[in-house]
């Protein structure tokens, strides 16, 4: 009876998933460098009021951004910088968005302004 049982097929975890790991590493480290800049310089200098890091979610966001195609839908929010970088948003725009610059999409609106406008 034991001879009739077949062994489970081995799974190759090294399968090609179509991920450019060098590009993933570049985008994740770029996003983390921007987080570091915001945390150590821009918040203390009050050039930005808040810093919301995407650490812990950045690699998944980058891979998602690299796999989105025309016709796919995604929505960016204040912790979506890694995904937006992967979608091709220029680095200067990604940085400016947090600094409330008129050159940024949405004029760099910040969370405090959003929360202040809410009514109970």
Protein backbone atom coordinates (compact mmCIF):
# COMPACT_ATOMS: atom_id res chain seq x y z
CA UNK A 1 0.00 0.00 0.00
CA UNK A 2 2.81 2.40 0.87
CA UNK A 3 4.35 1.72 -2.53
CA UNK A 4 1.19 2.92 -4.26
CA UNK A 5 1.50 6.40 -2.70
CA UNK A 6 3.43 8.87 -4.78
CA UNK A 7 5.70 11.55 -3.43
CA UNK A 8 4.61 15.17 -3.52
CA UNK A 9 6.14 17.03 -6.47
CA UNK A 10 8.91 19.43 -5.51
CA UNK A 11 8.15 23.10 -5.86
CA UNK A 12 10.78 25.31 -7.45
CA UNK A 13 10.76 28.48 -5.39
CA UNK A 14 13.34 30.02 -7.71
CA UNK A 15 10.86 30.29 -10.55
CA UNK A 16 11.12 33.42 -12.68
CA UNK A 17 8.38 35.76 -11.52
CA UNK A 18 9.21 38.49 -13.98
CA UNK A 19 10.59 40.79 -11.29
CA UNK A 20 13.57 43.03 -11.96
CA UNK A 21 15.06 42.73 -8.47
CA UNK A 22 17.76 45.33 -9.12
CA UNK A 23 15.06 47.88 -10.00
CA UNK A 24 13.01 46.85 -6.95
CA UNK A 25 16.07 47.42 -4.74
CA UNK A 26 16.76 50.82 -6.36
CA UNK A 27 13.20 52.05 -5.89
CA UNK A 28 12.90 50.76 -2.31
CA UNK A 29 16.19 52.35 -1.27
CA UNK A 30 15.20 55.59 -3.01
CA UNK A 31 11.91 55.69 -1.11
CA UNK A 32 13.65 54.90 2.17
CA UNK A 33 16.24 57.61 1.52
CA UNK A 34 13.41 60.13 1.06
CA UNK A 35 11.85 58.91 4.32
CA UNK A 36 15.19 59.38 6.07
CA UNK A 37 15.55 62.90 4.65
CA UNK A 38 12.06 63.80 5.84
CA UNK A 39 12.57 62.30 9.31
CA UNK A 40 16.01 63.76 10.02
CA UNK A 41 15.89 67.14 8.26
CA UNK A 42 12.57 68.24 6.85
CA UNK A 43 10.35 67.55 9.89
CA UNK A 44 12.84 69.07 12.40
CA UNK A 45 13.23 72.12 10.12
CA UNK A 46 9.40 72.31 9.86
CA UNK A 47 9.52 72.15 6.08
CA UNK A 48 6.97 69.35 6.35
CA UNK A 49 4.60 68.84 9.25
CA UNK A 50 4.23 65.07 9.24
CA UNK A 51 6.17 62.10 7.99
CA UNK A 52 4.34 58.88 7.16
CA UNK A 53 6.75 56.16 6.18
CA UNK A 54 5.89 53.24 3.91
CA UNK A 55 8.55 51.03 5.51
CA UNK A 56 7.39 47.46 5.75
CA UNK A 57 5.11 47.92 2.75
CA UNK A 58 7.55 49.48 0.32
CA UNK A 59 8.73 46.34 -1.45
CA UNK A 60 5.17 45.10 -2.03
CA UNK A 61 4.16 48.52 -3.34
CA UNK A 62 7.10 48.67 -5.73
CA UNK A 63 6.38 45.19 -7.10
CA UNK A 64 2.70 46.07 -7.49
CA UNK A 65 3.58 49.31 -9.28
CA UNK A 66 5.92 47.45 -11.63
CA UNK A 67 3.15 45.00 -12.57
CA UNK A 68 0.28 47.45 -13.15
CA UNK A 69 -0.64 47.85 -16.80
CA UNK A 70 -2.88 50.16 -18.83
CA UNK A 71 -6.44 49.61 -17.72
CA UNK A 72 -5.49 48.58 -14.18
CA UNK A 73 -6.73 50.78 -11.35
CA UNK A 74 -4.78 51.90 -8.30
CA UNK A 75 -5.13 54.81 -5.93
CA UNK A 76 -2.21 56.59 -4.29
CA UNK A 77 -2.39 57.97 -0.78
CA UNK A 78 0.07 59.49 1.68
CA UNK A 79 2.04 56.24 2.13
CA UNK A 80 2.06 55.25 -1.55
CA UNK A 81 5.33 56.88 -2.60
CA UNK A 82 7.05 53.51 -3.38
CA UNK A 83 4.24 52.49 -5.74
CA UNK A 84 4.15 55.91 -7.38
CA UNK A 85 7.93 55.82 -7.95
CA UNK A 86 7.52 52.39 -9.57
CA UNK A 87 4.81 53.84 -11.83
CA UNK A 88 7.25 56.48 -13.04
CA UNK A 89 6.41 59.54 -10.95
CA UNK A 90 9.55 61.72 -11.12
CA UNK A 91 11.63 61.84 -7.94
CA UNK A 92 11.31 65.63 -7.71
CA UNK A 93 7.51 65.36 -7.79
CA UNK A 94 7.51 62.62 -5.15
CA UNK A 95 9.62 64.83 -2.87
CA UNK A 96 7.70 68.06 -3.57
CA UNK A 97 4.33 66.49 -2.80
CA UNK A 98 5.17 66.31 0.91
CA UNK A 99 6.48 69.88 1.04
CA UNK A 100 3.23 71.64 0.07
CA UNK A 101 4.81 73.07 -3.07
CA UNK A 102 2.63 74.62 -5.74
CA UNK A 103 4.69 72.60 -8.22
CA UNK A 104 3.41 69.36 -6.64
CA UNK A 105 0.27 67.60 -7.81
CA UNK A 106 -2.48 68.72 -5.43
CA UNK A 107 -0.17 71.49 -4.16
CA UNK A 108 1.23 69.05 -1.60
CA UNK A 109 -1.89 68.99 0.54
CA UNK A 110 -1.17 67.68 3.99
CA UNK A 111 -3.08 65.54 6.46
CA UNK A 112 -3.55 68.36 8.99
CA UNK A 113 -5.49 70.44 6.49
CA UNK A 114 -7.60 67.43 5.60
CA UNK A 115 -8.42 66.59 9.23
CA UNK A 116 -9.13 70.21 10.14
CA UNK A 117 -11.84 70.40 7.48
CA UNK A 118 -13.76 67.36 8.73
CA UNK A 119 -16.97 67.73 10.62
CA UNK A 120 -18.17 65.25 13.25
